[in-house]
Protein backbone atom coordinates (compact mmCIF):
# COMPACT_ATOMS: atom_id res chain seq x y z
CA MET A 1 -3.07 34.21 -2.30
CA ALA A 2 -4.66 30.74 -2.59
CA GLU A 3 -8.19 30.38 -2.21
CA PRO A 4 -8.69 28.38 0.82
CA SER A 5 -10.43 25.79 -0.88
CA LEU A 6 -7.43 25.26 -3.39
CA ARG A 7 -4.83 25.00 -0.33
CA TRP A 8 -7.44 22.37 0.92
CA LYS A 9 -7.14 20.39 -2.56
CA GLY A 10 -3.51 20.48 -2.45
CA ARG A 11 -3.41 19.38 1.18
CA ILE A 12 -5.64 16.39 0.52
CA GLY A 13 -4.06 15.30 -2.45
CA SER A 14 -0.22 15.49 -1.17
CA LEU A 15 -2.20 12.62 1.22
CA LYS A 16 -2.14 10.35 -1.57
CA PRO A 17 0.83 8.04 -0.81
CA LEU A 18 -0.54 7.71 2.91
CA ALA A 19 -3.92 6.80 1.50
CA VAL A 20 -2.63 4.04 -0.21
CA LEU A 21 -1.12 2.55 2.63
CA VAL A 22 -4.42 2.85 4.52
CA ILE A 23 -6.40 1.26 2.16
CA ILE A 24 -3.88 -1.71 1.92
CA ALA A 25 -4.11 -1.63 5.69
CA ALA A 26 -7.44 -0.99 5.96
CA ALA A 27 -7.97 -4.28 3.51
CA LEU A 28 -6.09 -6.60 5.62
CA GLY A 29 -7.80 -5.06 8.86
CA LEU A 30 -11.21 -5.76 6.96
CA VAL A 31 -10.38 -9.44 6.69
CA ALA A 32 -9.36 -10.19 10.00
CA SER A 33 -12.91 -8.16 11.37
CA VAL A 34 -14.81 -9.24 9.46
CA GLU A 35 -13.93 -13.12 10.67
CA SER A 36 -13.95 -11.72 13.94
CA LEU A 37 -17.52 -10.35 13.48
CA THR A 38 -18.67 -13.69 12.15
CA THR A 39 -17.16 -15.79 14.50
CA ALA A 40 -18.62 -13.47 17.43
CA ARG A 41 -22.40 -14.07 15.74
CA ALA A 42 -21.94 -17.50 15.43
CA ASN A 43 -21.76 -17.92 18.66
CA PRO A 44 -23.54 -15.87 20.86
CA THR A 45 -23.55 -17.51 23.74
CA GLY A 46 -21.05 -19.66 25.58
CA PRO A 47 -19.14 -22.78 24.21
CA GLN A 48 -21.16 -25.68 22.96
CA PRO A 49 -19.82 -29.16 23.69
CA VAL A 50 -19.32 -31.42 21.40
CA SER A 51 -17.51 -34.60 20.73
CA ILE A 52 -14.30 -35.08 18.85
CA ARG A 53 -16.49 -37.74 16.64
CA GLU A 54 -18.87 -34.97 15.63
CA ILE A 55 -16.18 -32.74 14.76
CA ALA A 56 -14.02 -35.85 12.29
CA GLU A 57 -17.69 -36.55 10.94
CA ARG A 58 -17.81 -33.01 10.23
CA LEU A 59 -21.22 -32.30 11.99
CA VAL A 60 -19.58 -29.42 13.24
CA ASP A 61 -18.59 -25.91 11.43
CA SER A 62 -15.90 -24.27 11.41
CA ARG A 63 -15.69 -21.08 13.58
CA GLN A 64 -16.97 -22.80 16.13
CA TYR A 65 -16.86 -21.87 19.65
CA VAL A 66 -16.67 -25.18 21.65
CA VAL A 67 -15.74 -27.29 24.63
CA VAL A 68 -14.38 -30.99 23.67
CA ALA A 69 -13.28 -33.74 26.11
CA GLY A 70 -10.48 -36.29 25.68
CA PHE A 71 -7.05 -37.51 26.36
CA ALA A 72 -4.23 -35.00 25.63
CA GLU A 73 -0.81 -36.37 24.58
CA TYR A 74 1.60 -33.01 24.70
CA GLU A 75 3.88 -34.59 22.68
CA TRP A 76 4.39 -32.48 19.79
CA ALA A 77 2.34 -33.65 16.42
CA TYR A 78 3.36 -31.19 13.83
CA SER A 79 4.92 -27.73 14.19
CA TYR A 80 5.66 -24.37 12.32
CA GLU A 81 9.10 -23.24 12.48
CA GLU A 82 10.48 -19.45 11.60
CA ASN A 83 14.01 -17.85 11.09
CA GLY A 84 15.31 -21.59 13.04
CA ARG A 85 12.53 -20.72 15.69
CA THR A 86 9.21 -22.56 16.58
CA THR A 87 6.19 -20.47 15.86
CA VAL A 88 3.20 -23.17 16.21
CA VAL A 89 2.79 -26.68 18.04
CA TYR A 90 -0.08 -28.86 17.48
CA TYR A 91 -0.85 -32.17 18.98
CA TYR A 92 -3.45 -34.34 19.52
CA LEU A 93 -6.41 -34.62 21.60
CA TYR A 94 -7.88 -38.50 21.90
CA ASP A 95 -11.06 -39.57 22.28
CA GLU A 96 -10.43 -43.22 23.55
CA ASP A 97 -13.88 -44.62 23.78
CA GLU A 98 -14.49 -44.04 20.39
CA GLY A 99 -11.44 -43.87 18.40
CA TYR A 100 -11.02 -40.66 17.03
CA ILE A 101 -8.26 -37.89 17.06
CA LEU A 102 -8.19 -34.25 17.00
CA VAL A 103 -5.78 -32.17 16.18
CA VAL A 104 -5.46 -29.19 18.56
CA GLU A 105 -3.08 -26.01 18.33
CA ALA A 106 -1.60 -25.01 21.20
CA ASP A 107 -2.09 -21.87 22.95
CA ALA A 108 2.13 -21.98 23.73
CA THR A 109 4.99 -23.43 22.14
CA ASN A 110 6.15 -24.38 25.56
CA LEU A 111 4.98 -27.78 26.33
CA GLU A 112 7.48 -29.91 28.09
CA SER A 113 6.11 -28.83 31.69
CA ARG A 114 2.70 -30.01 30.58
CA VAL A 115 1.70 -33.71 31.73
CA ASP A 116 -0.76 -35.77 29.61
CA ALA A 117 -3.75 -36.11 30.88
CA ASP A 118 -7.72 -36.16 30.71
CA VAL A 119 -8.67 -32.52 29.73
CA ALA A 120 -11.82 -30.46 28.44
CA LEU A 121 -10.04 -28.26 25.96
CA SER A 122 -12.52 -24.99 24.98
CA GLY A 123 -11.50 -23.16 21.49
CA ILE A 124 -12.82 -21.89 18.17
CA THR A 125 -12.90 -24.24 15.40
CA TRP A 126 -11.05 -23.36 12.44
CA THR A 127 -10.53 -24.67 8.70
CA MET A 128 -7.31 -26.72 8.67
CA PRO A 129 -4.46 -24.86 6.79
CA GLY A 130 -3.67 -27.11 3.44
CA ASP A 131 -0.30 -27.61 4.25
CA LEU A 132 -1.11 -28.99 7.52
CA ARG A 133 -3.91 -30.60 5.91
CA ALA A 134 -1.91 -32.59 3.95
CA LEU A 135 0.36 -33.80 6.75
CA VAL A 136 -2.57 -35.08 8.75
CA GLU A 137 -3.97 -36.71 6.01
CA GLU A 138 -0.46 -38.91 5.37
CA ASP A 139 -0.82 -39.55 9.56
CA ALA A 140 -4.71 -40.74 9.25
CA GLU A 141 -3.75 -43.44 6.85
CA GLU A 142 -1.57 -44.87 9.08
CA LEU A 143 -3.36 -44.12 12.26
CA ALA A 144 -6.60 -45.96 10.48
CA ASP A 145 -4.39 -49.06 10.85
CA TYR A 146 -4.73 -49.18 14.37
CA GLY A 147 -8.33 -48.47 13.93
CA TRP A 148 -8.10 -44.57 14.83
CA VAL A 149 -10.09 -41.79 13.23
CA LEU A 150 -7.82 -38.55 12.55
CA ALA A 151 -10.22 -35.91 12.15
CA SER A 152 -8.48 -33.88 9.21
CA THR A 153 -10.63 -31.01 8.26
CA LEU A 154 -11.01 -29.33 11.41
CA VAL A 155 -8.62 -27.84 13.89
CA LEU A 156 -8.94 -26.49 17.47
CA LYS A 157 -7.41 -23.55 18.67
CA GLU A 158 -7.04 -23.83 22.18
CA GLY A 159 -8.14 -21.32 24.66
CA GLU A 160 -9.37 -18.73 21.85
CA ALA A 161 -12.84 -17.18 22.44
CA PRO A 162 -14.69 -15.09 20.20
CA GLY A 163 -14.84 -11.26 20.73
CA SER A 164 -17.31 -8.99 21.72
CA GLU A 165 -19.68 -8.41 18.63
CA THR A 166 -20.05 -4.71 19.63
CA ALA A 167 -16.28 -3.93 19.27
CA ALA A 168 -15.45 -5.92 16.17
CA LEU A 169 -18.83 -4.39 14.42
CA ALA A 170 -17.17 -1.05 15.34
CA TRP A 171 -14.20 -1.96 13.90
CA THR A 172 -14.99 -3.48 11.25
CA ILE A 173 -17.40 0.09 10.50
CA GLY A 174 -14.18 2.24 11.39
CA LEU A 175 -11.84 0.57 9.07
CA GLY A 176 -14.37 0.53 6.04
CA VAL A 177 -14.80 4.11 6.94
CA ALA A 178 -11.10 5.11 7.34
CA GLY A 179 -10.84 2.65 3.66
CA LEU A 180 -13.76 5.01 1.61
CA LEU A 181 -12.05 8.85 2.73
CA SER A 182 -9.00 6.96 1.51
CA VAL A 183 -10.30 6.27 -1.79
CA CYS A 184 -12.09 9.40 -1.90
CA VAL A 185 -8.30 11.25 -1.48
CA LEU A 186 -7.46 9.19 -4.70
CA PHE A 187 -9.71 10.92 -6.74
CA PHE A 188 -8.25 14.86 -5.49
CA PRO A 189 -5.61 16.78 -7.68
CA ALA A 190 -2.05 15.46 -7.09
CA VAL A 191 -1.37 19.43 -7.81
CA VAL A 192 -2.85 22.87 -7.53
CA PHE A 193 -1.52 25.74 -9.13
CA THR A 194 -2.31 28.98 -8.71
CA PRO A 195 -0.99 31.93 -10.78
CA GLY A 196 0.68 34.70 -9.28
CA ALA A 197 3.34 37.33 -9.80
CA ALA A 198 7.18 35.99 -10.08
CA HIS A 199 9.42 36.54 -7.16
CA ALA A 200 11.79 39.56 -8.17
CA GLY A 201 15.26 39.92 -8.78
CA GLY A 202 15.83 36.82 -10.72
CA THR A 203 19.24 36.68 -12.55
CA GLY A 204 18.95 33.55 -14.68
CA PRO A 205 21.15 30.56 -13.73
CA GLN A 206 23.93 30.07 -17.02
CA VAL A 207 24.30 26.57 -15.80
CA GLU A 208 21.53 23.60 -14.96
CA LYS A 209 19.85 23.64 -11.82
CA THR A 210 19.71 20.79 -10.07
CA ILE A 211 18.75 21.24 -6.51
CA GLY A 212 15.10 21.80 -5.32
CA VAL A 213 13.46 21.44 -8.23
CA GLN A 214 10.22 19.02 -8.99
CA ALA A 215 8.57 18.54 -12.32
CA SER A 216 4.66 17.61 -12.53
CA GLY A 217 3.25 16.99 -16.27
CA ARG A 218 4.40 14.25 -19.07
CA LEU A 219 7.66 14.01 -20.57
CA GLN A 220 8.92 11.97 -23.65
CA ARG A 221 11.72 9.64 -23.24
CA LEU A 222 15.34 10.10 -24.77
CA LYS A 223 17.36 8.00 -26.58
CA SER A 224 20.43 9.53 -25.23
CA LEU A 225 21.38 13.15 -23.98
CA GLN A 226 25.21 13.06 -25.12
CA PRO A 227 26.51 14.20 -27.93
CA ALA A 228 23.21 15.78 -29.01
CA ILE A 229 20.10 14.97 -28.01
CA GLU A 230 18.06 12.19 -29.18
CA VAL A 231 14.16 11.78 -28.29
CA GLY A 232 12.51 8.33 -28.07
CA ARG A 233 9.31 7.21 -27.81
CA GLY A 234 6.78 7.09 -25.33
CA TRP A 235 5.78 9.93 -22.89
CA ARG A 236 5.38 9.44 -19.30
CA LYS A 237 3.24 10.99 -16.39
CA PHE A 238 5.36 12.65 -13.32
CA THR A 239 3.87 13.73 -10.31
CA LYS A 240 6.78 16.33 -8.08
CA ALA A 241 9.09 14.49 -9.43
CA VAL A 242 13.04 15.49 -8.83
CA ALA A 243 14.07 17.45 -12.03
CA ASN A 244 16.62 19.18 -13.96
CA VAL A 245 16.25 22.62 -15.76
CA VAL A 246 19.04 22.83 -18.50
CA PRO A 247 19.56 26.17 -20.63
CA LEU A 248 20.32 25.25 -23.97
CA GLN A 249 21.17 27.05 -27.23
CA ASN A 250 18.64 29.04 -29.78
CA ARG A 251 16.49 29.79 -27.15
CA ARG A 252 15.55 26.83 -25.62
CA VAL A 253 15.11 25.50 -21.98
CA MET A 254 14.92 21.46 -21.33
CA LEU A 255 13.04 20.33 -18.25
CA TYR A 256 14.90 16.81 -17.87
CA ILE A 257 14.19 13.84 -15.75
CA HIS A 258 16.64 10.76 -15.08
CA HIS A 259 14.35 8.07 -13.75
CA ILE A 260 16.14 4.99 -11.56
CA TYR A 261 14.04 2.30 -10.55
CA ARG A 262 15.53 0.05 -8.05
CA TYR A 263 13.25 -2.45 -6.17
CA SER A 264 14.69 -4.19 -3.11
CA GLY A 265 17.93 -2.38 -3.70
CA ILE A 266 18.55 -3.34 -7.17
CA LYS A 267 18.31 -1.36 -10.17
CA VAL A 268 16.07 -2.46 -12.04
CA SER A 269 15.57 0.45 -14.71
CA ASP A 270 17.66 3.43 -15.86
CA THR A 271 15.80 6.16 -18.12
CA GLN A 272 16.12 9.52 -19.25
CA TRP A 273 12.91 11.58 -19.54
CA ALA A 274 12.93 15.53 -21.19
CA LEU A 275 10.79 17.98 -22.71
CA VAL A 276 12.28 21.23 -24.40
CA PHE A 277 10.59 24.53 -24.46
CA ASP A 278 10.96 27.12 -26.84
CA PRO A 279 8.88 30.24 -27.54
CA MET A 280 7.33 28.29 -30.89
CA ASN A 281 5.86 25.21 -28.86
CA VAL A 282 4.83 26.95 -25.84
CA VAL A 283 1.04 28.54 -25.20
CA SER A 284 1.46 30.01 -22.45
CA VAL A 285 3.67 30.23 -19.14
CA GLU A 286 2.47 31.52 -15.94
CA PRO A 287 4.50 31.96 -12.79
CA GLY A 288 2.56 31.60 -9.42
CA LYS A 289 2.71 28.73 -6.52
CA VAL A 290 1.98 24.63 -6.00
CA VAL A 291 -0.05 25.01 -2.52
CA GLY A 292 -0.85 22.52 0.14
CA PHE A 293 0.73 22.09 3.30
CA LYS A 294 3.69 23.69 2.28
CA ASP A 295 3.81 25.93 -0.65
CA ARG A 296 6.34 26.18 -3.50
CA TRP A 297 7.42 28.87 -6.00
CA ALA A 298 6.36 27.51 -9.56
CA VAL A 299 5.84 27.90 -13.46
CA ARG A 300 3.01 26.52 -15.16
CA PHE A 301 3.89 25.84 -19.14
CA VAL A 302 1.05 24.92 -21.61
CA HIS A 303 2.17 23.58 -24.84
CA ARG A 304 1.62 21.41 -28.13
CA GLN A 305 4.41 19.14 -28.23
CA ARG A 306 2.21 15.46 -27.64
CA ARG A 307 -0.54 16.45 -29.56
CA GLU A 308 -2.88 18.84 -30.86
CA LYS A 309 -4.57 19.37 -27.59
CA PRO A 310 -2.92 21.22 -24.92
CA GLU A 311 -1.26 19.95 -22.54
CA GLU A 312 0.55 21.22 -19.09
CA LEU A 313 3.51 20.79 -16.86
CA ILE A 314 4.15 22.61 -13.29
CA VAL A 315 7.88 23.17 -12.33
CA SER A 316 8.27 23.91 -9.05
CA PHE A 317 11.22 25.16 -6.76
CA ALA A 318 12.21 24.97 -3.20
CA SER A 319 12.42 28.54 -2.88
CA PRO A 320 11.65 32.08 -4.13
CA GLU A 321 14.84 32.91 -5.54
CA ASP A 322 15.42 29.84 -7.51
CA GLN A 323 11.79 30.64 -8.79
CA GLY A 324 12.96 34.25 -9.85
CA ASP A 325 16.55 32.60 -11.29
CA PHE A 326 14.21 30.36 -13.64
CA VAL A 327 11.97 33.56 -14.92
CA ALA A 328 14.54 35.17 -15.74
CA LEU A 329 16.23 32.85 -18.05
CA LEU A 330 12.55 32.69 -19.84
CA ARG A 331 12.22 36.10 -20.16
CA ALA A 332 15.86 36.34 -21.67
CA ALA A 333 15.22 33.03 -24.13
CA GLY A 334 12.12 35.25 -25.37
CA PHE A 335 9.45 33.29 -23.52
CA VAL A 336 6.50 35.95 -22.89
CA LEU A 337 4.90 35.65 -19.34
CA GLY A 338 1.29 35.62 -17.81
CA THR A 339 -1.19 35.14 -15.51
CA GLY A 340 -4.25 32.94 -15.88
CA LEU A 341 -6.76 30.99 -14.00
CA ASN A 342 -6.12 28.43 -10.94
CA HIS A 343 -5.55 25.67 -11.91
CA ILE A 344 -5.23 21.82 -10.74
CA VAL A 345 -3.54 18.28 -12.09
């Protein structure tokens, strides 16, 4: 039976795919939470009254919670569309006394029900997106001919208010801890093998075994499989990859992986990888299990096919009967099985 510490190593290591997703989500979330925290800290009190002129002349920084007065003209000035649907709408806020105009991001896309009027708007100033700024600067030249100055560096997000600094800090800390724990998961072994007795009663398959077999270790690239096995150049490490067990002549056994890589449903590459074992190139063979949330019966090979330093490859099976058949196949081919120390890869 596997020691609890080894089993937990296997369980934590099996969470690596989930950990990568959490790291990505935490990184994206941290950007937003740090931004929210910075905004909250920069605005400890309510909105500060400013003029459109002050915003246009860059006397107001980004991420400031402000209230600004002017004449709102709700006819769309600019808009963004996605899949034929309007997602963001901007309109102009005029300071008719001083001749300045501010671009405001509306808090809704339906402005038809609004009536142009003098208003006092509260919101947060944000750096204007580059594509929007390019449009604004083009219009600023035309408006300047009529005596208007169009602010082209900041945009006011209507109705937006800074969140709670405490909540933003809690989110930042929580996401940071989640990301750190996920990074730690990446340092755990992907496969934890514990030696043990082989399942009894195996008969040894006479045809290749293709169901429920997984391989963890380095395999050599193949140039061709038929009419003869021809090895290529290069090795690749696989972890729990779907594999085939193929009995060969002359007391040899091949572990074979047909690897197809697809991107967005399109086949990008189609490669073949294998490792051929015989009693002469194998240092040791050990039956046992790969432990984790769900144990799998397995066999661990130590071989010298790639370099002088021994390397290992672990073959695991969906059922104990499959492992028993594989062990029987190896014994019939002249492999000597033994047991050794727990091992992780």
